[in-house]
Protein backbone atom coordinates (compact mmCIF):
# COMPACT_ATOMS: atom_id res chain seq x y z
CA MET A 1 22.36 12.02 11.04
CA ALA A 2 19.16 14.02 10.54
CA ILE A 3 16.21 12.65 8.62
CA ARG A 4 15.73 14.39 5.28
CA HIS A 5 13.41 12.02 3.39
CA LEU A 6 10.15 10.28 4.35
CA ILE A 7 8.81 7.17 2.63
CA PHE A 8 5.21 6.24 3.48
CA ASP A 9 3.40 2.98 2.95
CA LEU A 10 -0.21 3.44 1.79
CA GLY A 11 -2.36 0.78 3.44
CA ASN A 12 -2.90 1.22 7.18
CA VAL A 13 -0.49 4.16 7.16
CA LEU A 14 -2.09 6.74 4.88
CA ILE A 15 -5.21 4.78 3.91
CA ASP A 16 -7.47 3.15 6.50
CA LEU A 17 -8.00 -0.55 5.78
CA ASP A 18 -10.19 -3.39 7.00
CA PHE A 19 -8.82 -6.65 5.59
CA THR A 20 -11.63 -8.60 7.22
CA ALA A 21 -14.20 -6.88 4.99
CA THR A 22 -12.60 -8.35 1.88
CA GLU A 23 -12.11 -11.70 3.60
CA ARG A 24 -15.80 -11.90 4.48
CA GLN A 25 -17.00 -11.00 1.00
CA LEU A 26 -14.57 -13.28 -0.82
CA ARG A 27 -15.51 -16.13 1.48
CA GLN A 28 -19.15 -15.64 0.50
CA LEU A 29 -18.35 -15.54 -3.21
CA LEU A 30 -15.72 -18.30 -3.34
CA GLY A 31 -17.32 -20.64 -0.87
CA SER A 32 -15.38 -23.80 -0.13
CA HIS A 33 -12.42 -22.66 -2.25
CA TYR A 34 -11.76 -19.75 0.07
CA THR A 35 -9.35 -20.14 2.99
CA ALA A 36 -9.61 -17.58 5.80
CA SER A 37 -6.93 -14.91 6.11
CA PHE A 38 -5.60 -15.62 2.60
CA THR A 39 -3.57 -18.60 3.86
CA CYS A 40 -4.20 -20.92 0.90
CA ASN A 41 -0.95 -21.22 -1.10
CA GLU A 42 -2.82 -21.06 -4.40
CA GLN A 43 -4.57 -17.84 -3.37
CA GLN A 44 -1.37 -16.38 -1.94
CA GLY A 45 0.38 -16.99 -5.25
CA LEU A 46 -2.43 -15.33 -7.22
CA PHE A 47 -2.58 -12.29 -4.93
CA GLU A 48 1.19 -11.80 -4.98
CA ALA A 49 1.36 -12.18 -8.77
CA PHE A 50 -1.30 -9.48 -9.16
CA GLU A 51 0.46 -7.25 -6.63
CA LYS A 52 3.72 -7.58 -8.56
CA GLY A 53 2.05 -6.90 -11.90
CA LEU A 54 2.94 -10.36 -13.19
CA ILE A 55 -0.66 -10.97 -14.25
CA SER A 56 -3.22 -8.52 -15.57
CA GLU A 57 -6.34 -7.34 -13.79
CA ALA A 58 -8.42 -9.38 -16.24
CA GLU A 59 -6.41 -12.53 -15.50
CA PHE A 60 -6.71 -11.99 -11.76
CA PHE A 61 -10.49 -11.72 -11.79
CA PHE A 62 -10.83 -14.51 -14.33
CA GLN A 63 -9.15 -16.84 -11.85
CA LEU A 64 -11.34 -15.64 -8.99
CA ARG A 65 -14.44 -16.26 -11.11
CA HIS A 66 -13.16 -19.74 -11.85
CA TRP A 67 -13.07 -20.40 -8.11
CA ALA A 68 -16.44 -18.79 -7.44
CA GLN A 69 -19.47 -20.70 -6.29
CA GLY A 70 -22.34 -20.06 -8.69
CA ALA A 71 -22.94 -17.03 -10.90
CA VAL A 72 -20.50 -14.35 -9.78
CA SER A 73 -19.70 -11.29 -11.91
CA VAL A 74 -16.38 -9.49 -12.19
CA GLU A 75 -18.02 -6.41 -10.69
CA MET A 76 -19.06 -8.40 -7.62
CA LEU A 77 -15.50 -9.64 -7.23
CA LYS A 78 -14.05 -6.15 -7.65
CA GLU A 79 -16.43 -4.84 -5.00
CA ALA A 80 -15.28 -7.58 -2.63
CA TRP A 81 -11.60 -6.95 -3.46
CA ASN A 82 -12.01 -3.22 -2.76
CA ALA A 83 -14.05 -3.72 0.42
CA MET A 84 -10.87 -3.50 2.53
CA LEU A 85 -10.31 0.10 1.40
CA LEU A 86 -12.10 2.44 3.79
CA ARG A 87 -10.86 6.01 3.32
CA PHE A 88 -7.86 8.21 2.62
CA PRO A 89 -8.28 10.98 5.23
CA ILE A 90 -7.61 14.42 3.79
CA GLU A 91 -5.94 15.54 7.01
CA ARG A 92 -3.07 13.11 6.38
CA LEU A 93 -2.45 14.60 2.95
CA GLU A 94 -2.60 18.10 4.41
CA TRP A 95 -0.04 17.08 7.03
CA ILE A 96 2.22 15.72 4.30
CA SER A 97 1.97 19.09 2.55
CA GLN A 98 3.38 20.65 5.70
CA LEU A 99 6.11 18.03 5.97
CA ARG A 100 7.07 18.57 2.34
CA THR A 101 8.36 22.05 3.16
CA ARG A 102 11.20 20.40 5.10
CA TYR A 103 11.43 16.82 3.86
CA GLY A 104 11.35 14.85 0.68
CA THR A 105 8.11 12.87 0.66
CA TYR A 106 7.60 9.53 -1.07
CA VAL A 107 5.27 6.52 -1.23
CA LEU A 108 6.32 2.88 -1.50
CA SER A 109 3.32 0.57 -1.59
CA ASN A 110 2.50 -3.05 -2.29
CA THR A 111 -0.66 -2.48 -4.30
CA ASN A 112 -2.40 -3.47 -7.51
CA GLU A 113 -4.18 -1.90 -10.45
CA THR A 114 -7.67 -2.30 -8.99
CA HIS A 115 -6.86 -0.79 -5.60
CA LEU A 116 -4.91 2.08 -7.13
CA ARG A 117 -7.87 2.96 -9.34
CA TRP A 118 -10.03 3.07 -6.19
CA VAL A 119 -7.57 5.46 -4.54
CA HIS A 120 -7.67 7.87 -7.48
CA GLN A 121 -11.46 7.72 -7.72
CA HIS A 122 -11.90 8.11 -3.95
CA LEU A 123 -9.69 11.20 -3.77
CA ALA A 124 -11.37 12.76 -6.80
CA LYS A 125 -14.89 12.09 -5.49
CA GLN A 126 -14.35 12.98 -1.83
CA TYR A 127 -11.94 15.90 -2.12
CA GLY A 128 -11.68 16.89 -5.77
CA ILE A 129 -8.01 15.85 -5.79
CA ALA A 130 -6.52 14.62 -9.05
CA GLN A 131 -2.99 13.26 -9.51
CA TYR A 132 -2.32 13.14 -5.80
CA GLU A 133 1.10 11.58 -6.44
CA GLN A 134 2.46 14.73 -8.09
CA ARG A 135 0.64 17.07 -5.72
CA TYR A 136 1.87 15.63 -2.43
CA PHE A 137 4.94 13.51 -3.14
CA ASP A 138 8.31 13.82 -4.83
CA GLN A 139 8.14 10.28 -6.13
CA VAL A 140 5.86 7.25 -5.79
CA TRP A 141 6.59 3.56 -6.32
CA TYR A 142 3.97 0.82 -6.65
CA SER A 143 4.79 -2.88 -6.55
CA HIS A 144 2.73 -3.72 -9.64
CA HIS A 145 4.71 -1.20 -11.68
CA LEU A 146 8.11 -2.42 -10.49
CA HIS A 147 7.39 -6.18 -10.53
CA LEU A 148 8.87 -6.22 -7.02
CA ARG A 149 7.22 -6.13 -3.62
CA LYS A 150 8.08 -5.55 -0.01
CA PRO A 151 9.76 -7.14 1.92
CA GLU A 152 12.10 -8.00 -0.97
CA LEU A 153 15.35 -6.11 -0.42
CA GLU A 154 15.54 -5.33 -4.14
CA ILE A 155 12.60 -2.95 -4.00
CA PHE A 156 14.12 -0.91 -1.19
CA GLN A 157 17.48 -0.74 -2.95
CA TYR A 158 15.74 0.32 -6.15
CA VAL A 159 14.04 3.19 -4.31
CA LEU A 160 17.27 4.38 -2.71
CA ASP A 161 19.14 4.24 -6.02
CA THR A 162 16.40 5.77 -8.17
CA ALA A 163 15.81 8.79 -5.92
CA ASN A 164 19.43 9.01 -4.76
CA LEU A 165 18.40 8.77 -1.10
CA PRO A 166 21.05 8.22 1.59
CA ALA A 167 19.68 5.36 3.70
CA SER A 168 20.74 6.94 7.01
CA GLN A 169 18.78 10.11 6.17
CA THR A 170 15.68 8.26 4.99
CA LEU A 171 12.77 7.24 7.22
CA PHE A 172 10.41 4.51 6.07
CA VAL A 173 7.11 3.87 7.86
CA ASP A 174 5.01 0.73 7.33
CA ASP A 175 2.38 -1.27 9.19
CA ASN A 176 4.00 -4.62 8.36
CA PRO A 177 6.90 -5.61 10.68
CA ASP A 178 8.49 -7.76 7.95
CA ASN A 179 8.71 -4.76 5.62
CA VAL A 180 10.18 -2.63 8.40
CA ALA A 181 12.81 -5.26 9.18
CA ALA A 182 13.80 -5.56 5.53
CA ALA A 183 14.25 -1.79 5.11
CA ALA A 184 16.37 -1.67 8.27
CA GLN A 185 18.76 -4.23 6.75
CA LEU A 186 19.76 -1.58 4.21
CA GLY A 187 20.39 1.06 6.87
CA ILE A 188 17.08 2.87 6.38
CA VAL A 189 15.52 4.34 9.52
CA ALA A 190 12.54 1.98 9.54
CA VAL A 191 9.53 2.59 11.79
CA HIS A 192 6.62 0.28 12.49
CA HIS A 193 3.23 2.01 12.52
CA PRO A 194 0.60 -0.04 14.37
CA PRO A 195 -2.75 0.10 12.54
CA GLY A 196 -5.19 2.36 14.33
CA HIS A 197 -2.52 4.55 15.91
CA GLU A 198 -2.12 8.19 15.01
CA LEU A 199 0.58 8.60 12.36
CA LYS A 200 1.80 11.90 13.78
CA GLN A 201 2.48 10.23 17.12
CA THR A 202 4.36 7.36 15.48
CA LEU A 203 6.69 9.73 13.63
CA ALA A 204 6.94 12.55 16.19
CA PRO A 205 10.21 11.30 17.76
CA PHE A 206 11.93 11.38 14.37
CA LEU A 207 10.70 14.67 12.90
CA GLU A 208 11.70 18.27 13.36
CA LEU A 209 8.30 19.50 12.15
CA GLN A 210 5.46 18.47 14.46
């Protein structure tokens, strides 16, 4: 059955990321309390709670300050947290505008309030784009709004039900293999996009519009 709907992840699909930049800066600020690659269970729990909107932005940075070594401001922590966000290339949005003439276009992202604010500010500053969600996509879902996150099956089912998308006609693209595998369990055409690869090439075999 032909693909009629496209669901994009944000990070490392539409937005270029460098996780190591945030890791380096947080390690400097948190010192001995920081575990490389976010492997500490306590940190994992805090990050996931923030990503699911279970704690506020203020609570998230309060806890990071509690862990910090020495005098560390919230602004310093926000800068470190946003360091992973590199750019949202305008050519990807322009390509999605072309795709939207033939497909439904959507975003499903594990993200948080701080990163989403950066996205809006970046697009406004770099390209003069406001409200990119309404301009380029039919619908957008963020984990911190839904209190769910990928790869939980519930978030994919919620998306299908909310937008009335037939799974077999819906393509989902993500850089995380676990998220791809979860979407595939529900019959979604799930595609892994390796970070650094060209998105058009990843999706070319599935699309009518090149």
